[in-house]
Amino acid sequence: MVDKIKISRHISNLKKYLERLSEWGNVEEDVFIEDKVLQAAIERCLQMSIETCINIGNHLIASNSWRNPEDYADIFRILNENGIIDRELTESLVNMARFRNRLVYLYWDTEPRVVYRIMKNSLPDIEKFAKAVISSYSEEL
């Protein structure tokens, strides 16, 4: 059974991270490239946003006794297989899970321009994910 309190907390946290990232969305790329503190803050918010999506996905998979994911990216494939998210969103979230791995395991080799591009282009997909979860589980949330 899906824990509505847990999912609601995750969605609330996700919205807070997205708000922070949106506040920085108007920063010019050159300013971002020069500002190491801003880079670190945005990287961390992106990581927390992606990890929150992963945590939500893991909870839904476990609660519904769906197949076990092979890795973080597979979580989003399983959600797609079970009608929670569409194929296009799945591919975007799979790429974000891979990006999360880079932030965590290869942090010294993270290209600032890639981080900037993801911040500018991927936030709507994280919002779509939250909306898809809410839509799929609206009775329980």
C-alpha atoms as a PDB file:
ATOM      1  CA  MET A   1       0.000   0.000   0.000  1.00  0.00           C
ATOM      2  CA  VAL A   2       1.297   3.425  -0.929  1.00  0.00           C
ATOM      3  CA  ASP A   3       2.175   5.550   2.106  1.00  0.00           C
ATOM      4  CA  LYS A   4       0.372   8.776   1.284  1.00  0.00           C
ATOM      5  CA  ILE A   5       2.196  10.731   3.997  1.00  0.00           C
ATOM      6  CA  LYS A   6       5.605   9.657   2.674  1.00  0.00           C
ATOM      7  CA  ILE A   7       4.705  10.494  -0.926  1.00  0.00           C
ATOM      8  CA  SER A   8       3.172  13.833   0.085  1.00  0.00           C
ATOM      9  CA  ARG A   9       6.348  14.776   1.976  1.00  0.00           C
ATOM     10  CA  HIS A  10       8.512  13.830  -0.982  1.00  0.00           C
ATOM     11  CA  ILE A  11       6.318  15.853  -3.363  1.00  0.00           C
ATOM     12  CA  SER A  12       6.442  18.834  -0.979  1.00  0.00           C
ATOM     13  CA  ASN A  13      10.238  18.636  -0.781  1.00  0.00           C
ATOM     14  CA  LEU A  14      10.473  18.259  -4.540  1.00  0.00           C
ATOM     15  CA  LYS A  15       8.449  21.442  -5.015  1.00  0.00           C
ATOM     16  CA  LYS A  16      10.804  23.311  -2.660  1.00  0.00           C
ATOM     17  CA  TYR A  17      13.865  22.152  -4.615  1.00  0.00           C
ATOM     18  CA  LEU A  18      12.242  23.140  -7.893  1.00  0.00           C
ATOM     19  CA  GLU A  19      11.381  26.577  -6.504  1.00  0.00           C
ATOM     20  CA  ARG A  20      15.007  27.117  -5.540  1.00  0.00           C
ATOM     21  CA  LEU A  21      16.204  25.974  -8.940  1.00  0.00           C
ATOM     22  CA  SER A  22      13.653  28.198 -10.681  1.00  0.00           C
ATOM     23  CA  GLU A  23      14.955  31.207  -8.741  1.00  0.00           C
ATOM     24  CA  TRP A  24      18.362  30.582 -10.290  1.00  0.00           C
ATOM     25  CA  GLY A  25      16.896  29.895 -13.735  1.00  0.00           C
ATOM     26  CA  ASN A  26      17.480  33.436 -14.977  1.00  0.00           C
ATOM     27  CA  VAL A  27      21.195  33.426 -14.223  1.00  0.00           C
ATOM     28  CA  GLU A  28      23.250  33.883 -17.358  1.00  0.00           C
ATOM     29  CA  GLU A  29      25.493  30.974 -18.301  1.00  0.00           C
ATOM     30  CA  ASP A  30      28.706  33.026 -18.047  1.00  0.00           C
ATOM     31  CA  VAL A  31      27.793  34.123 -14.523  1.00  0.00           C
ATOM     32  CA  PHE A  32      27.028  30.526 -13.590  1.00  0.00           C
ATOM     33  CA  ILE A  33      30.369  29.310 -15.008  1.00  0.00           C
ATOM     34  CA  GLU A  34      32.296  31.845 -12.922  1.00  0.00           C
ATOM     35  CA  ASP A  35      30.358  31.371  -9.659  1.00  0.00           C
ATOM     36  CA  LYS A  36      31.591  28.158  -7.991  1.00  0.00           C
ATOM     37  CA  VAL A  37      29.282  28.582  -4.977  1.00  0.00           C
ATOM     38  CA  LEU A  38      26.241  28.912  -7.243  1.00  0.00           C
ATOM     39  CA  GLN A  39      27.379  25.856  -9.202  1.00  0.00           C
ATOM     40  CA  ALA A  40      27.618  23.829  -6.009  1.00  0.00           C
ATOM     41  CA  ALA A  41      24.197  24.981  -4.810  1.00  0.00           C
ATOM     42  CA  ILE A  42      22.540  24.138  -8.116  1.00  0.00           C
ATOM     43  CA  GLU A  43      24.284  20.777  -8.357  1.00  0.00           C
ATOM     44  CA  ARG A  44      23.074  19.911  -4.866  1.00  0.00           C
ATOM     45  CA  CYS A  45      19.478  20.976  -5.570  1.00  0.00           C
ATOM     46  CA  LEU A  46      19.482  18.999  -8.806  1.00  0.00           C
ATOM     47  CA  GLN A  47      20.848  15.966  -6.978  1.00  0.00           C
ATOM     48  CA  MET A  48      18.196  16.247  -4.253  1.00  0.00           C
ATOM     49  CA  SER A  49      15.447  16.677  -6.850  1.00  0.00           C
ATOM     50  CA  ILE A  50      16.524  13.606  -8.780  1.00  0.00           C
ATOM     51  CA  GLU A  51      17.011  11.566  -5.616  1.00  0.00           C
ATOM     52  CA  THR A  52      13.530  12.541  -4.471  1.00  0.00           C
ATOM     53  CA  CYS A  53      12.097  11.259  -7.756  1.00  0.00           C
ATOM     54  CA  ILE A  54      14.083   8.055  -7.270  1.00  0.00           C
ATOM     55  CA  ASN A  55      12.784   7.684  -3.709  1.00  0.00           C
ATOM     56  CA  ILE A  56       9.197   8.204  -4.833  1.00  0.00           C
ATOM     57  CA  GLY A  57       9.666   5.671  -7.616  1.00  0.00           C
ATOM     58  CA  ASN A  58      11.215   3.125  -5.261  1.00  0.00           C
ATOM     59  CA  HIS A  59       8.335   3.517  -2.833  1.00  0.00           C
ATOM     60  CA  LEU A  60       5.739   3.058  -5.574  1.00  0.00           C
ATOM     61  CA  ILE A  61       7.532  -0.030  -6.893  1.00  0.00           C
ATOM     62  CA  ALA A  62       7.782  -1.626  -3.453  1.00  0.00           C
ATOM     63  CA  SER A  63       4.221  -0.699  -2.483  1.00  0.00           C
ATOM     64  CA  ASN A  64       2.804  -2.243  -5.637  1.00  0.00           C
ATOM     65  CA  SER A  65       5.128  -5.290  -5.672  1.00  0.00           C
ATOM     66  CA  TRP A  66       6.372  -4.468  -9.149  1.00  0.00           C
ATOM     67  CA  ARG A  67       9.612  -5.986 -10.402  1.00  0.00           C
ATOM     68  CA  ASN A  68      12.847  -4.987  -8.694  1.00  0.00           C
ATOM     69  CA  PRO A  69      14.833  -2.265 -10.493  1.00  0.00           C
ATOM     70  CA  GLU A  70      18.289  -3.128 -11.779  1.00  0.00           C
ATOM     71  CA  ASP A  71      19.553   0.398 -11.087  1.00  0.00           C
ATOM     72  CA  TYR A  72      18.226   3.891 -10.473  1.00  0.00           C
ATOM     73  CA  ALA A  73      17.474   4.489 -14.136  1.00  0.00           C
ATOM     74  CA  ASP A  74      15.411   1.298 -14.238  1.00  0.00           C
ATOM     75  CA  ILE A  75      13.059   2.725 -11.611  1.00  0.00           C
ATOM     76  CA  PHE A  76      11.660   5.068 -14.239  1.00  0.00           C
ATOM     77  CA  ARG A  77      11.349   2.272 -16.799  1.00  0.00           C
ATOM     78  CA  ILE A  78       9.284   0.296 -14.284  1.00  0.00           C
ATOM     79  CA  LEU A  79       7.047   3.303 -13.655  1.00  0.00           C
ATOM     80  CA  ASN A  80       6.547   3.549 -17.404  1.00  0.00           C
ATOM     81  CA  GLU A  81       5.748  -0.170 -17.675  1.00  0.00           C
ATOM     82  CA  ASN A  82       3.041   0.326 -15.082  1.00  0.00           C
ATOM     83  CA  GLY A  83       1.471   3.409 -16.649  1.00  0.00           C
ATOM     84  CA  ILE A  84       2.673   6.058 -14.189  1.00  0.00           C
ATOM     85  CA  ILE A  85       4.817   8.028 -16.660  1.00  0.00           C
ATOM     86  CA  ASP A  86       4.982   8.118 -20.451  1.00  0.00           C
ATOM     87  CA  ARG A  87       7.893   7.033 -22.625  1.00  0.00           C
ATOM     88  CA  GLU A  88       9.225  10.533 -23.327  1.00  0.00           C
ATOM     89  CA  LEU A  89       9.290  11.430 -19.632  1.00  0.00           C
ATOM     90  CA  THR A  90      10.858   8.049 -18.885  1.00  0.00           C
ATOM     91  CA  GLU A  91      13.813   8.751 -21.165  1.00  0.00           C
ATOM     92  CA  SER A  92      14.367  12.163 -19.632  1.00  0.00           C
ATOM     93  CA  LEU A  93      14.274  10.751 -16.087  1.00  0.00           C
ATOM     94  CA  VAL A  94      16.577   7.869 -17.057  1.00  0.00           C
ATOM     95  CA  ASN A  95      19.084  10.475 -18.250  1.00  0.00           C
ATOM     96  CA  MET A  96      18.650  12.444 -15.030  1.00  0.00           C
ATOM     97  CA  ALA A  97      19.320   9.305 -12.967  1.00  0.00           C
ATOM     98  CA  ARG A  98      22.551   8.870 -14.901  1.00  0.00           C
ATOM     99  CA  PHE A  99      23.387  12.532 -14.314  1.00  0.00           C
ATOM    100  CA  ARG A 100      22.733  12.008 -10.583  1.00  0.00           C
ATOM    101  CA  ASN A 101      25.292   9.198 -10.624  1.00  0.00           C
ATOM    102  CA  ARG A 102      27.813  11.546 -12.204  1.00  0.00           C
ATOM    103  CA  LEU A 103      27.150  14.173  -9.525  1.00  0.00           C
ATOM    104  CA  VAL A 104      27.599  11.610  -6.760  1.00  0.00           C
ATOM    105  CA  TYR A 105      30.398   9.415  -8.073  1.00  0.00           C
ATOM    106  CA  LEU A 106      32.276  11.606 -10.569  1.00  0.00           C
ATOM    107  CA  TYR A 107      31.680  14.997  -8.965  1.00  0.00           C
ATOM    108  CA  TRP A 108      35.181  16.205  -9.803  1.00  0.00           C
ATOM    109  CA  ASP A 109      34.495  15.632 -13.491  1.00  0.00           C
ATOM    110  CA  THR A 110      31.118  17.372 -13.765  1.00  0.00           C
ATOM    111  CA  GLU A 111      31.067  19.883 -16.592  1.00  0.00           C
ATOM    112  CA  PRO A 112      29.458  23.176 -15.450  1.00  0.00           C
ATOM    113  CA  ARG A 113      27.895  23.802 -18.865  1.00  0.00           C
ATOM    114  CA  VAL A 114      26.107  20.444 -18.653  1.00  0.00           C
ATOM    115  CA  VAL A 115      24.809  21.295 -15.179  1.00  0.00           C
ATOM    116  CA  TYR A 116      23.596  24.647 -16.497  1.00  0.00           C
ATOM    117  CA  ARG A 117      21.854  23.040 -19.475  1.00  0.00           C
ATOM    118  CA  ILE A 118      20.112  20.514 -17.241  1.00  0.00           C
ATOM    119  CA  MET A 119      18.987  23.262 -14.874  1.00  0.00           C
ATOM    120  CA  LYS A 120      17.599  25.271 -17.787  1.00  0.00           C
ATOM    121  CA  ASN A 121      15.929  22.390 -19.649  1.00  0.00           C
ATOM    122  CA  SER A 122      15.011  19.560 -17.285  1.00  0.00           C
ATOM    123  CA  LEU A 123      12.999  21.168 -14.507  1.00  0.00           C
ATOM    124  CA  PRO A 124       9.708  20.828 -16.417  1.00  0.00           C
ATOM    125  CA  ASP A 125      10.258  17.061 -16.597  1.00  0.00           C
ATOM    126  CA  ILE A 126      10.697  16.848 -12.830  1.00  0.00           C
ATOM    127  CA  GLU A 127       7.463  18.833 -12.467  1.00  0.00           C
ATOM    128  CA  LYS A 128       5.744  16.451 -14.905  1.00  0.00           C
ATOM    129  CA  PHE A 129       6.931  13.528 -12.804  1.00  0.00           C
ATOM    130  CA  ALA A 130       5.396  15.014  -9.653  1.00  0.00           C
ATOM    131  CA  LYS A 131       2.122  15.704 -11.479  1.00  0.00           C
ATOM    132  CA  ALA A 132       2.033  12.155 -12.890  1.00  0.00           C
ATOM    133  CA  VAL A 133       2.474  10.671  -9.423  1.00  0.00           C
ATOM    134  CA  ILE A 134      -0.191  12.939  -7.970  1.00  0.00           C
ATOM    135  CA  SER A 135      -2.543  12.109 -10.840  1.00  0.00           C
ATOM    136  CA  SER A 136      -1.972   8.363 -10.519  1.00  0.00           C
ATOM    137  CA  TYR A 137      -2.443   8.341  -6.762  1.00  0.00           C
ATOM    138  CA  SER A 138      -4.789  11.305  -6.252  1.00  0.00           C
ATOM    139  CA  GLU A 139      -7.225   9.258  -4.180  1.00  0.00           C
ATOM    140  CA  GLU A 140      -4.466   8.204  -1.821  1.00  0.00           C
ATOM    141  CA  LEU A 141      -2.781  11.615  -1.658  1.00  0.00           C
END
